[in-house]
Amino acid sequence: MEETLMRIRLALTLALRDPAAAVQVQAARALERIEGVSALQHLAVTADSPDTAGALRSLYAVADIGGEKAFAILCNALQAPHAEVRATAVKLLARTKDPRVANHFIEALEDPNPDVKVLILEVLGDVREPRLLEVLLPQLQQGSGPIREAAITALGNLGDLRAVDSLLPLVTDLTPAVRERIAEALGRLGVRAAEEGKLKEITPPA
């Protein structure tokens, strides 16, 4: 395998000197992809390192490279021993806009660190996955202050009108921060309800 890879790299290096510019560009891109894969193998090991700073640097490098292997490394980092590493993995995975992150974030909601859990709830609302309603609603009753507040915001961002009945009683919650989040969330859901109502009004009968 190593010999084959070495021969491919040599051929591509020679292609960098090809008189045709298009060939040079393709050769450069090919070498970049190969180096990226090689780098990922090293970064995957570093990301699991007990050295938090080193693991964080590796995760950012992995995210820059991108691709399926990078996605898998970032998902694996959701189980890292250090909360800071897990939180960074959440942020980087959210940037990918990959719909598969919903499954991984739902599993990661069991995180023992409340700050990481709040971060996951904050990004879940942007995923816009309808089945998240069942995941978010229990957080309104079971979660601590920041967790409840993050769940409320996520429900508002999710835009699922089925959440309204669970949110309305919290309008009179004793905590001002919760009431503020509820007002914002209900505003978003109200706009959604108004938009759906207008659409029904202008939709011609079948």
N, C-alpha and C. Protein backbone atom coordinates (compact mmCIF):
# COMPACT_ATOMS: atom_id res chain seq x y z
N MET A 1 0.83 -1.21 0.00
CA MET A 1 0.00 0.00 0.00
C MET A 1 0.86 1.26 0.00
N GLU A 2 1.91 1.27 0.85
CA GLU A 2 2.78 2.42 0.93
C GLU A 2 3.49 2.66 -0.39
N GLU A 3 3.92 1.55 -1.04
CA GLU A 3 4.62 1.67 -2.32
C GLU A 3 3.68 2.24 -3.39
N THR A 4 2.45 1.77 -3.40
CA THR A 4 1.47 2.26 -4.37
C THR A 4 1.22 3.75 -4.17
N LEU A 5 1.06 4.14 -2.91
CA LEU A 5 0.81 5.55 -2.60
C LEU A 5 2.00 6.41 -3.01
N MET A 6 3.19 5.91 -2.78
CA MET A 6 4.40 6.65 -3.15
C MET A 6 4.47 6.85 -4.67
N ARG A 7 4.12 5.82 -5.43
CA ARG A 7 4.14 5.92 -6.89
C ARG A 7 3.10 6.92 -7.39
N ILE A 8 1.93 6.91 -6.74
CA ILE A 8 0.88 7.87 -7.13
C ILE A 8 1.34 9.29 -6.84
N ARG A 9 1.93 9.50 -5.68
CA ARG A 9 2.40 10.83 -5.33
C ARG A 9 3.48 11.32 -6.30
N LEU A 10 4.36 10.42 -6.68
CA LEU A 10 5.42 10.78 -7.62
C LEU A 10 4.84 11.19 -8.96
N ALA A 11 3.88 10.40 -9.43
CA ALA A 11 3.25 10.71 -10.72
C ALA A 11 2.54 12.06 -10.67
N LEU A 12 1.85 12.32 -9.58
CA LEU A 12 1.13 13.59 -9.45
C LEU A 12 2.10 14.76 -9.30
N THR A 13 3.22 14.53 -8.64
CA THR A 13 4.23 15.58 -8.51
C THR A 13 4.79 15.96 -9.87
N LEU A 14 5.02 14.96 -10.69
CA LEU A 14 5.49 15.23 -12.06
C LEU A 14 4.42 15.96 -12.86
N ALA A 15 3.16 15.61 -12.60
CA ALA A 15 2.05 16.25 -13.33
C ALA A 15 1.93 17.73 -12.99
N LEU A 16 2.49 18.12 -11.86
CA LEU A 16 2.47 19.54 -11.50
C LEU A 16 3.27 20.39 -12.48
N ARG A 17 4.17 19.74 -13.22
CA ARG A 17 5.00 20.45 -14.20
C ARG A 17 4.46 20.30 -15.62
N ASP A 18 3.28 19.72 -15.74
CA ASP A 18 2.69 19.53 -17.07
C ASP A 18 2.48 20.89 -17.75
N PRO A 19 2.72 20.96 -19.06
CA PRO A 19 2.53 22.25 -19.77
C PRO A 19 1.08 22.73 -19.77
N ALA A 20 0.14 21.82 -19.57
CA ALA A 20 -1.28 22.21 -19.56
C ALA A 20 -1.67 22.64 -18.15
N ALA A 21 -2.20 23.85 -18.03
CA ALA A 21 -2.57 24.39 -16.72
C ALA A 21 -3.64 23.54 -16.04
N ALA A 22 -4.59 23.02 -16.81
CA ALA A 22 -5.67 22.23 -16.24
C ALA A 22 -5.13 20.96 -15.57
N VAL A 23 -4.11 20.37 -16.19
CA VAL A 23 -3.48 19.17 -15.61
C VAL A 23 -2.80 19.53 -14.29
N GLN A 24 -2.13 20.66 -14.26
CA GLN A 24 -1.47 21.10 -13.03
C GLN A 24 -2.47 21.30 -11.89
N VAL A 25 -3.60 21.90 -12.23
CA VAL A 25 -4.63 22.15 -11.22
C VAL A 25 -5.17 20.84 -10.67
N GLN A 26 -5.48 19.89 -11.55
CA GLN A 26 -6.02 18.61 -11.10
C GLN A 26 -5.01 17.84 -10.26
N ALA A 27 -3.74 17.91 -10.66
CA ALA A 27 -2.68 17.22 -9.91
C ALA A 27 -2.55 17.82 -8.51
N ALA A 28 -2.61 19.14 -8.43
CA ALA A 28 -2.50 19.82 -7.14
C ALA A 28 -3.67 19.44 -6.23
N ARG A 29 -4.87 19.41 -6.80
CA ARG A 29 -6.05 19.04 -6.01
C ARG A 29 -5.95 17.59 -5.53
N ALA A 30 -5.48 16.72 -6.40
CA ALA A 30 -5.35 15.31 -6.04
C ALA A 30 -4.36 15.14 -4.89
N LEU A 31 -3.22 15.82 -4.97
CA LEU A 31 -2.22 15.74 -3.90
C LEU A 31 -2.76 16.29 -2.59
N GLU A 32 -3.55 17.36 -2.71
CA GLU A 32 -4.13 17.96 -1.50
C GLU A 32 -5.09 16.99 -0.82
N ARG A 33 -5.89 16.27 -1.62
CA ARG A 33 -6.82 15.31 -1.04
C ARG A 33 -6.07 14.16 -0.37
N ILE A 34 -5.03 13.69 -1.02
CA ILE A 34 -4.24 12.59 -0.46
C ILE A 34 -3.60 13.01 0.86
N GLU A 35 -3.03 14.21 0.89
CA GLU A 35 -2.38 14.70 2.10
C GLU A 35 -3.41 14.89 3.22
N GLY A 36 -4.62 15.29 2.80
CA GLY A 36 -5.68 15.48 3.78
C GLY A 36 -6.04 14.19 4.49
N VAL A 37 -6.14 13.10 3.72
CA VAL A 37 -6.45 11.80 4.30
C VAL A 37 -5.34 11.35 5.24
N SER A 38 -4.11 11.55 4.82
CA SER A 38 -2.97 11.16 5.66
C SER A 38 -2.97 11.97 6.96
N ALA A 39 -3.29 13.25 6.83
CA ALA A 39 -3.32 14.10 8.01
C ALA A 39 -4.43 13.68 8.96
N LEU A 40 -5.57 13.27 8.41
CA LEU A 40 -6.69 12.86 9.25
C LEU A 40 -6.34 11.69 10.15
N GLN A 41 -5.56 10.77 9.63
CA GLN A 41 -5.18 9.61 10.43
C GLN A 41 -4.39 10.04 11.67
N HIS A 42 -3.52 11.01 11.48
CA HIS A 42 -2.75 11.53 12.61
C HIS A 42 -3.64 12.35 13.54
N LEU A 43 -4.50 13.17 12.94
CA LEU A 43 -5.36 14.04 13.75
C LEU A 43 -6.38 13.25 14.56
N ALA A 44 -6.82 12.13 14.02
CA ALA A 44 -7.79 11.30 14.75
C ALA A 44 -7.19 10.80 16.06
N VAL A 45 -5.92 10.45 16.01
CA VAL A 45 -5.23 9.99 17.23
C VAL A 45 -5.06 11.15 18.21
N THR A 46 -4.68 12.31 17.68
CA THR A 46 -4.45 13.48 18.54
C THR A 46 -5.74 13.96 19.17
N ALA A 47 -6.85 13.82 18.44
CA ALA A 47 -8.15 14.26 18.97
C ALA A 47 -8.56 13.46 20.19
N ASP A 48 -8.06 12.23 20.30
CA ASP A 48 -8.36 11.38 21.46
C ASP A 48 -7.34 11.55 22.58
N SER A 49 -6.42 12.47 22.38
CA SER A 49 -5.34 12.66 23.35
C SER A 49 -5.87 13.27 24.65
N PRO A 50 -5.28 12.90 25.79
CA PRO A 50 -5.66 13.53 27.06
C PRO A 50 -5.23 15.00 27.13
N ASP A 51 -4.38 15.41 26.19
CA ASP A 51 -3.95 16.81 26.11
C ASP A 51 -5.08 17.62 25.49
N THR A 52 -5.81 18.37 26.31
CA THR A 52 -6.99 19.10 25.84
C THR A 52 -6.65 20.09 24.73
N ALA A 53 -5.59 20.86 24.92
CA ALA A 53 -5.22 21.86 23.92
C ALA A 53 -4.89 21.20 22.58
N GLY A 54 -4.16 20.09 22.65
CA GLY A 54 -3.82 19.37 21.42
C GLY A 54 -5.05 18.79 20.74
N ALA A 55 -5.98 18.27 21.55
CA ALA A 55 -7.21 17.71 20.99
C ALA A 55 -8.05 18.78 20.31
N LEU A 56 -8.11 19.97 20.91
CA LEU A 56 -8.88 21.06 20.33
C LEU A 56 -8.29 21.51 19.00
N ARG A 57 -6.97 21.63 18.97
CA ARG A 57 -6.32 22.02 17.70
C ARG A 57 -6.59 20.99 16.62
N SER A 58 -6.56 19.72 17.00
CA SER A 58 -6.81 18.66 16.04
C SER A 58 -8.24 18.72 15.50
N LEU A 59 -9.20 18.99 16.37
CA LEU A 59 -10.60 19.05 15.93
C LEU A 59 -10.82 20.17 14.92
N TYR A 60 -10.23 21.32 15.16
CA TYR A 60 -10.37 22.43 14.21
C TYR A 60 -9.71 22.08 12.87
N ALA A 61 -8.57 21.42 12.93
CA ALA A 61 -7.90 21.00 11.70
C ALA A 61 -8.73 19.98 10.95
N VAL A 62 -9.32 19.05 11.68
CA VAL A 62 -10.19 18.03 11.07
C VAL A 62 -11.38 18.69 10.38
N ALA A 63 -11.99 19.66 11.05
CA ALA A 63 -13.14 20.36 10.48
C ALA A 63 -12.76 21.09 9.20
N ASP A 64 -11.56 21.65 9.16
CA ASP A 64 -11.11 22.36 7.96
C ASP A 64 -10.93 21.40 6.78
N ILE A 65 -10.48 20.19 7.07
CA ILE A 65 -10.27 19.20 6.00
C ILE A 65 -11.62 18.73 5.45
N GLY A 66 -12.57 18.44 6.35
CA GLY A 66 -13.90 18.03 5.94
C GLY A 66 -13.95 16.62 5.39
N GLY A 67 -15.12 16.21 4.92
CA GLY A 67 -15.30 14.88 4.37
C GLY A 67 -15.88 13.90 5.37
N GLU A 68 -16.13 12.69 4.90
CA GLU A 68 -16.78 11.67 5.74
C GLU A 68 -15.94 11.27 6.94
N LYS A 69 -14.64 11.07 6.73
CA LYS A 69 -13.78 10.67 7.85
C LYS A 69 -13.69 11.76 8.90
N ALA A 70 -13.65 13.01 8.43
CA ALA A 70 -13.62 14.13 9.37
C ALA A 70 -14.91 14.18 10.17
N PHE A 71 -16.02 13.95 9.51
CA PHE A 71 -17.32 13.93 10.19
C PHE A 71 -17.34 12.86 11.28
N ALA A 72 -16.81 11.69 10.97
CA ALA A 72 -16.78 10.59 11.94
C ALA A 72 -15.90 10.93 13.14
N ILE A 73 -14.78 11.60 12.89
CA ILE A 73 -13.88 11.98 13.99
C ILE A 73 -14.56 12.99 14.91
N LEU A 74 -15.27 13.94 14.31
CA LEU A 74 -15.97 14.94 15.11
C LEU A 74 -17.09 14.31 15.94
N CYS A 75 -17.79 13.35 15.34
CA CYS A 75 -18.86 12.65 16.07
C CYS A 75 -18.28 11.86 17.23
N ASN A 76 -17.15 11.24 17.01
CA ASN A 76 -16.49 10.47 18.07
C ASN A 76 -16.06 11.38 19.21
N ALA A 77 -15.71 12.63 18.89
CA ALA A 77 -15.26 13.57 19.92
C ALA A 77 -16.40 13.98 20.86
N LEU A 78 -17.64 13.69 20.49
CA LEU A 78 -18.77 13.97 21.39
C LEU A 78 -18.70 13.11 22.65
N GLN A 79 -17.87 12.06 22.59
CA GLN A 79 -17.71 11.17 23.76
C GLN A 79 -16.36 11.39 24.44
N ALA A 80 -15.67 12.46 24.11
CA ALA A 80 -14.35 12.73 24.68
C ALA A 80 -14.46 12.95 26.19
N PRO A 81 -13.40 12.66 26.93
CA PRO A 81 -13.46 12.80 28.39
C PRO A 81 -13.55 14.25 28.88
N HIS A 82 -13.06 15.19 28.08
CA HIS A 82 -13.06 16.59 28.51
C HIS A 82 -14.26 17.34 27.92
N ALA A 83 -14.96 18.06 28.80
CA ALA A 83 -16.16 18.78 28.38
C ALA A 83 -15.85 19.83 27.31
N GLU A 84 -14.70 20.48 27.41
CA GLU A 84 -14.35 21.50 26.42
C GLU A 84 -14.20 20.90 25.03
N VAL A 85 -13.65 19.70 24.96
CA VAL A 85 -13.50 19.01 23.68
C VAL A 85 -14.88 18.64 23.12
N ARG A 86 -15.76 18.14 23.99
CA ARG A 86 -17.10 17.76 23.54
C ARG A 86 -17.87 18.99 23.04
N ALA A 87 -17.74 20.10 23.76
CA ALA A 87 -18.42 21.33 23.36
C ALA A 87 -17.91 21.82 22.00
N THR A 88 -16.62 21.72 21.79
CA THR A 88 -16.04 22.14 20.51
C THR A 88 -16.54 21.24 19.38
N ALA A 89 -16.66 19.96 19.65
CA ALA A 89 -17.18 19.02 18.65
C ALA A 89 -18.61 19.39 18.26
N VAL A 90 -19.41 19.80 19.25
CA VAL A 90 -20.79 20.21 18.98
C VAL A 90 -20.81 21.41 18.03
N LYS A 91 -19.99 22.41 18.34
CA LYS A 91 -19.95 23.62 17.52
C LYS A 91 -19.50 23.31 16.09
N LEU A 92 -18.48 22.49 15.96
CA LEU A 92 -17.94 22.19 14.63
C LEU A 92 -18.91 21.32 13.82
N LEU A 93 -19.58 20.40 14.48
CA LEU A 93 -20.58 19.58 13.80
C LEU A 93 -21.76 20.42 13.34
N ALA A 94 -22.15 21.39 14.16
CA ALA A 94 -23.27 22.27 13.78
C ALA A 94 -22.94 23.04 12.51
N ARG A 95 -21.67 23.40 12.34
CA ARG A 95 -21.26 24.15 11.15
C ARG A 95 -21.38 23.32 9.87
N THR A 96 -21.34 22.01 10.00
CA THR A 96 -21.37 21.17 8.80
C THR A 96 -22.73 21.21 8.11
N LYS A 97 -23.79 21.56 8.86
CA LYS A 97 -25.15 21.57 8.31
C LYS A 97 -25.58 20.19 7.80
N ASP A 98 -24.90 19.17 8.27
CA ASP A 98 -25.22 17.80 7.87
C ASP A 98 -26.45 17.33 8.66
N PRO A 99 -27.50 16.87 7.99
CA PRO A 99 -28.72 16.46 8.71
C PRO A 99 -28.50 15.30 9.67
N ARG A 100 -27.41 14.56 9.47
CA ARG A 100 -27.14 13.41 10.34
C ARG A 100 -26.74 13.83 11.75
N VAL A 101 -26.38 15.10 11.92
CA VAL A 101 -25.94 15.52 13.26
C VAL A 101 -27.07 15.41 14.28
N ALA A 102 -28.32 15.46 13.82
CA ALA A 102 -29.45 15.37 14.75
C ALA A 102 -29.37 14.11 15.59
N ASN A 103 -29.12 12.98 14.95
CA ASN A 103 -29.03 11.71 15.68
C ASN A 103 -27.93 11.75 16.74
N HIS A 104 -26.79 12.29 16.36
CA HIS A 104 -25.65 12.33 17.28
C HIS A 104 -25.90 13.32 18.43
N PHE A 105 -26.55 14.43 18.13
CA PHE A 105 -26.84 15.41 19.17
C PHE A 105 -27.88 14.87 20.16
N ILE A 106 -28.85 14.13 19.64
CA ILE A 106 -29.87 13.55 20.52
C ILE A 106 -29.22 12.59 21.52
N GLU A 107 -28.31 11.76 21.03
CA GLU A 107 -27.60 10.84 21.92
C GLU A 107 -26.73 11.61 22.92
N ALA A 108 -26.13 12.70 22.44
CA ALA A 108 -25.22 13.47 23.30
C ALA A 108 -25.96 14.29 24.35
N LEU A 109 -27.28 14.36 24.28
CA LEU A 109 -28.04 15.09 25.30
C LEU A 109 -27.92 14.47 26.68
N GLU A 110 -27.39 13.26 26.74
CA GLU A 110 -27.15 12.62 28.02
C GLU A 110 -25.85 13.09 28.65
N ASP A 111 -25.21 14.08 28.03
CA ASP A 111 -23.92 14.58 28.53
C ASP A 111 -24.05 15.00 30.00
N PRO A 112 -23.08 14.62 30.82
CA PRO A 112 -23.15 14.96 32.25
C PRO A 112 -22.88 16.42 32.55
N ASN A 113 -22.28 17.13 31.58
CA ASN A 113 -21.95 18.54 31.80
C ASN A 113 -23.11 19.42 31.34
N PRO A 114 -23.70 20.22 32.22
CA PRO A 114 -24.86 21.03 31.84
C PRO A 114 -24.55 22.06 30.76
N ASP A 115 -23.33 22.58 30.74
CA ASP A 115 -22.96 23.57 29.73
C ASP A 115 -22.96 22.95 28.32
N VAL A 116 -22.46 21.73 28.23
CA VAL A 116 -22.46 21.03 26.95
C VAL A 116 -23.89 20.73 26.52
N LYS A 117 -24.70 20.33 27.49
CA LYS A 117 -26.10 20.02 27.20
C LYS A 117 -26.85 21.25 26.69
N VAL A 118 -26.61 22.40 27.31
CA VAL A 118 -27.23 23.65 26.87
C VAL A 118 -26.81 23.97 25.45
N LEU A 119 -25.53 23.80 25.16
CA LEU A 119 -25.02 24.07 23.81
C LEU A 119 -25.70 23.18 22.78
N ILE A 120 -25.87 21.91 23.11
CA ILE A 120 -26.54 20.98 22.19
C ILE A 120 -27.97 21.42 21.94
N LEU A 121 -28.67 21.81 22.99
CA LEU A 121 -30.06 22.26 22.85
C LEU A 121 -30.14 23.51 21.97
N GLU A 122 -29.17 24.39 22.12
CA GLU A 122 -29.17 25.63 21.34
C GLU A 122 -29.03 25.35 19.84
N VAL A 123 -28.23 24.37 19.49
CA VAL A 123 -28.03 24.09 18.06
C VAL A 123 -29.11 23.16 17.50
N LEU A 124 -29.77 22.41 18.38
CA LEU A 124 -30.80 21.49 17.89
C LEU A 124 -31.97 22.23 17.23
N GLY A 125 -32.29 23.41 17.74
CA GLY A 125 -33.40 24.16 17.17
C GLY A 125 -33.15 24.56 15.73
N ASP A 126 -31.89 24.67 15.35
CA ASP A 126 -31.55 25.06 13.98
C ASP A 126 -31.54 23.88 13.02
N VAL A 127 -31.63 22.67 13.57
CA VAL A 127 -31.60 21.48 12.72
C VAL A 127 -32.93 21.31 11.99
N ARG A 128 -34.01 21.79 12.59
CA ARG A 128 -35.35 21.73 11.98
C ARG A 128 -35.77 20.30 11.66
N GLU A 129 -35.56 19.41 12.61
CA GLU A 129 -35.97 18.02 12.46
C GLU A 129 -37.24 17.81 13.27
N PRO A 130 -38.40 17.51 12.62
CA PRO A 130 -39.67 17.43 13.33
C PRO A 130 -39.67 16.49 14.54
N ARG A 131 -38.96 15.37 14.47
CA ARG A 131 -38.98 14.42 15.57
C ARG A 131 -38.28 14.94 16.81
N LEU A 132 -37.60 16.09 16.68
CA LEU A 132 -36.93 16.67 17.84
C LEU A 132 -37.91 17.17 18.89
N LEU A 133 -39.16 17.36 18.49
CA LEU A 133 -40.17 17.84 19.45
C LEU A 133 -40.24 16.91 20.66
N GLU A 134 -40.23 15.62 20.42
CA GLU A 134 -40.33 14.64 21.50
C GLU A 134 -39.09 14.67 22.40
N VAL A 135 -37.98 15.11 21.84
CA VAL A 135 -36.74 15.18 22.61
C VAL A 135 -36.69 16.46 23.44
N LEU A 136 -37.18 17.55 22.87
CA LEU A 136 -37.08 18.85 23.54
C LEU A 136 -38.11 19.06 24.64
N LEU A 137 -39.33 18.58 24.42
CA LEU A 137 -40.40 18.84 25.40
C LEU A 137 -40.07 18.36 26.81
N PRO A 138 -39.51 17.17 27.00
CA PRO A 138 -39.20 16.73 28.38
C PRO A 138 -38.22 17.65 29.10
N GLN A 139 -37.39 18.37 28.34
CA GLN A 139 -36.42 19.26 28.96
C GLN A 139 -37.09 20.44 29.66
N LEU A 140 -38.34 20.73 29.30
CA LEU A 140 -39.06 21.83 29.95
C LEU A 140 -39.36 21.51 31.40
N GLN A 141 -39.52 20.24 31.73
CA GLN A 141 -39.86 19.83 33.08
C GLN A 141 -38.66 19.31 33.86
N GLN A 142 -37.76 18.65 33.15
CA GLN A 142 -36.67 17.95 33.82
C GLN A 142 -35.41 18.80 33.96
N GLY A 143 -35.26 19.78 33.08
CA GLY A 143 -34.00 20.51 33.03
C GLY A 143 -33.85 21.56 34.11
N SER A 144 -32.60 21.99 34.33
CA SER A 144 -32.31 23.09 35.24
C SER A 144 -32.66 24.39 34.52
N GLY A 145 -32.40 25.55 35.16
CA GLY A 145 -32.72 26.83 34.56
C GLY A 145 -32.17 27.03 33.16
N PRO A 146 -30.86 27.01 32.99
CA PRO A 146 -30.29 27.22 31.65
C PRO A 146 -30.73 26.17 30.64
N ILE A 147 -30.92 24.94 31.09
CA ILE A 147 -31.35 23.87 30.19
C ILE A 147 -32.78 24.12 29.73
N ARG A 148 -33.65 24.49 30.65
CA ARG A 148 -35.03 24.81 30.29
C ARG A 148 -35.07 25.97 29.30
N GLU A 149 -34.28 27.00 29.59
CA GLU A 149 -34.27 28.18 28.72
C GLU A 149 -33.79 27.83 27.31
N ALA A 150 -32.75 27.01 27.22
CA ALA A 150 -32.24 26.60 25.91
C ALA A 150 -33.27 25.76 25.17
N ALA A 151 -33.99 24.90 25.91
CA ALA A 151 -35.02 24.05 25.29
C ALA A 151 -36.17 24.91 24.75
N ILE A 152 -36.54 25.94 25.49
CA ILE A 152 -37.61 26.84 25.05
C ILE A 152 -37.22 27.53 23.74
N THR A 153 -36.00 28.05 23.71
CA THR A 153 -35.53 28.72 22.49
C THR A 153 -35.48 27.75 21.32
N ALA A 154 -35.01 26.53 21.58
CA ALA A 154 -34.94 25.52 20.53
C ALA A 154 -36.32 25.19 19.98
N LEU A 155 -37.30 25.11 20.86
CA LEU A 155 -38.67 24.82 20.43
C LEU A 155 -39.23 25.96 19.57
N GLY A 156 -38.89 27.18 19.95
CA GLY A 156 -39.33 28.31 19.14
C GLY A 156 -38.70 28.29 17.76
N ASN A 157 -37.40 27.98 17.72
CA ASN A 157 -36.70 27.93 16.44
C ASN A 157 -37.17 26.76 15.58
N LEU A 158 -37.54 25.67 16.25
CA LEU A 158 -37.98 24.47 15.53
C LEU A 158 -39.23 24.77 14.71
N GLY A 159 -40.10 25.60 15.27
CA GLY A 159 -41.28 26.03 14.52
C GLY A 159 -42.41 25.03 14.46
N ASP A 160 -42.38 24.04 15.33
CA ASP A 160 -43.44 23.03 15.35
C ASP A 160 -44.56 23.52 16.27
N LEU A 161 -45.72 23.77 15.69
CA LEU A 161 -46.83 24.35 16.45
C LEU A 161 -47.39 23.41 17.52
N ARG A 162 -47.02 22.16 17.48
CA ARG A 162 -47.46 21.22 18.52
C ARG A 162 -46.83 21.56 19.87
N ALA A 163 -45.81 22.39 19.87
CA ALA A 163 -45.15 22.76 21.12
C ALA A 163 -45.91 23.83 21.89
N VAL A 164 -46.86 24.49 21.25
CA VAL A 164 -47.54 25.64 21.87
C VAL A 164 -48.21 25.26 23.19
N ASP A 165 -48.92 24.15 23.23
CA ASP A 165 -49.64 23.77 24.45
C ASP A 165 -48.71 23.56 25.63
N SER A 166 -47.49 23.13 25.36
CA SER A 166 -46.53 22.91 26.45
C SER A 166 -45.86 24.21 26.87
N LEU A 167 -45.79 25.17 25.97
CA LEU A 167 -45.12 26.43 26.26
C LEU A 167 -46.03 27.45 26.94
N LEU A 168 -47.30 27.45 26.61
CA LEU A 168 -48.22 28.46 27.13
C LEU A 168 -48.25 28.55 28.66
N PRO A 169 -48.27 27.42 29.40
CA PRO A 169 -48.31 27.53 30.87
C PRO A 169 -47.10 28.25 31.46
N LEU A 170 -46.00 28.28 30.73
CA LEU A 170 -44.78 28.89 31.25
C LEU A 170 -44.76 30.41 31.11
N VAL A 171 -45.82 30.96 30.52
CA VAL A 171 -45.92 32.42 30.41
C VAL A 171 -45.92 33.06 31.79
N THR A 172 -46.43 32.33 32.79
CA THR A 172 -46.49 32.87 34.17
C THR A 172 -45.43 32.22 35.07
N ASP A 173 -44.38 31.68 34.49
CA ASP A 173 -43.32 31.06 35.28
C ASP A 173 -42.71 32.09 36.24
N LEU A 174 -42.22 31.61 37.38
CA LEU A 174 -41.67 32.51 38.39
C LEU A 174 -40.35 33.14 37.96
N THR A 175 -39.67 32.52 36.99
CA THR A 175 -38.35 33.01 36.58
C THR A 175 -38.47 33.98 35.40
N PRO A 176 -38.02 35.22 35.57
CA PRO A 176 -38.11 36.19 34.47
C PRO A 176 -37.41 35.73 33.19
N ALA A 177 -36.25 35.07 33.33
CA ALA A 177 -35.51 34.62 32.15
C ALA A 177 -36.33 33.60 31.35
N VAL A 178 -37.07 32.76 32.07
CA VAL A 178 -37.91 31.77 31.39
C VAL A 178 -39.05 32.47 30.68
N ARG A 179 -39.68 33.44 31.34
CA ARG A 179 -40.80 34.16 30.72
C ARG A 179 -40.33 34.91 29.46
N GLU A 180 -39.12 35.44 29.54
CA GLU A 180 -38.58 36.16 28.38
C GLU A 180 -38.37 35.20 27.20
N ARG A 181 -37.82 34.04 27.48
CA ARG A 181 -37.62 33.04 26.43
C ARG A 181 -38.96 32.58 25.86
N ILE A 182 -39.93 32.40 26.74
CA ILE A 182 -41.26 31.96 26.30
C ILE A 182 -41.88 32.99 25.36
N ALA A 183 -41.76 34.27 25.72
CA ALA A 183 -42.33 35.32 24.87
C ALA A 183 -41.70 35.29 23.48
N GLU A 184 -40.38 35.11 23.46
CA GLU A 184 -39.69 35.07 22.17
C GLU A 184 -40.10 33.84 21.37
N ALA A 185 -40.16 32.68 22.04
CA ALA A 185 -40.52 31.43 21.36
C ALA A 185 -41.96 31.49 20.83
N LEU A 186 -42.88 32.00 21.65
CA LEU A 186 -44.27 32.11 21.21
C LEU A 186 -44.40 33.09 20.05
N GLY A 187 -43.56 34.12 20.06
CA GLY A 187 -43.57 35.06 18.94
C GLY A 187 -43.21 34.36 17.64
N ARG A 188 -42.18 33.53 17.69
CA ARG A 188 -41.76 32.79 16.49
C ARG A 188 -42.85 31.82 16.04
N LEU A 189 -43.43 31.12 17.01
CA LEU A 189 -44.48 30.16 16.67
C LEU A 189 -45.75 30.88 16.19
N GLY A 190 -46.00 32.05 16.76
CA GLY A 190 -47.15 32.82 16.31
C GLY A 190 -47.01 33.26 14.87
N VAL A 191 -45.82 33.69 14.50
CA VAL A 191 -45.56 34.06 13.11
C VAL A 191 -45.77 32.86 12.20
N ARG A 192 -45.29 31.71 12.67
CA ARG A 192 -45.47 30.48 11.89
C ARG A 192 -46.96 30.16 11.70
N ALA A 193 -47.74 30.30 12.78
CA ALA A 193 -49.17 30.02 12.71
C ALA A 193 -49.87 31.00 11.78
N ALA A 194 -49.45 32.28 11.85
CA ALA A 194 -50.06 33.30 10.98
C ALA A 194 -49.73 33.02 9.52
N GLU A 195 -48.49 32.63 9.27
CA GLU A 195 -48.09 32.32 7.90
C GLU A 195 -48.87 31.14 7.35
N GLU A 196 -49.02 30.10 8.18
CA GLU A 196 -49.76 28.94 7.73
C GLU A 196 -51.23 29.29 7.49
N GLY A 197 -51.78 30.16 8.34
CA GLY A 197 -53.16 30.57 8.16
C GLY A 197 -53.35 31.35 6.87
N LYS A 198 -52.41 32.25 6.56
CA LYS A 198 -52.48 33.02 5.33
C LYS A 198 -52.36 32.13 4.11
N LEU A 199 -51.48 31.14 4.21
CA LEU A 199 -51.31 30.22 3.08
C LEU A 199 -52.60 29.47 2.81
N LYS A 200 -53.28 29.08 3.90
CA LYS A 200 -54.55 28.34 3.70
C LYS A 200 -55.61 29.24 3.05
N GLU A 201 -55.54 30.55 3.42
CA GLU A 201 -56.52 31.47 2.86
C GLU A 201 -56.34 31.66 1.36
N ILE A 202 -55.07 31.68 0.91
CA ILE A 202 -54.82 31.97 -0.50
C ILE A 202 -54.68 30.71 -1.35
N THR A 203 -54.67 29.54 -0.70
CA THR A 203 -54.55 28.30 -1.45
C THR A 203 -55.90 27.96 -2.06
N PRO A 204 -56.00 27.87 -3.38
CA PRO A 204 -57.28 27.56 -4.02
C PRO A 204 -57.71 26.14 -3.70
N PRO A 205 -59.00 25.89 -3.61
CA PRO A 205 -59.48 24.53 -3.33
C PRO A 205 -59.10 23.57 -4.45
N ALA A 206 -58.88 22.31 -4.09
CA ALA A 206 -58.48 21.31 -5.09
C ALA A 206 -59.64 21.01 -6.03
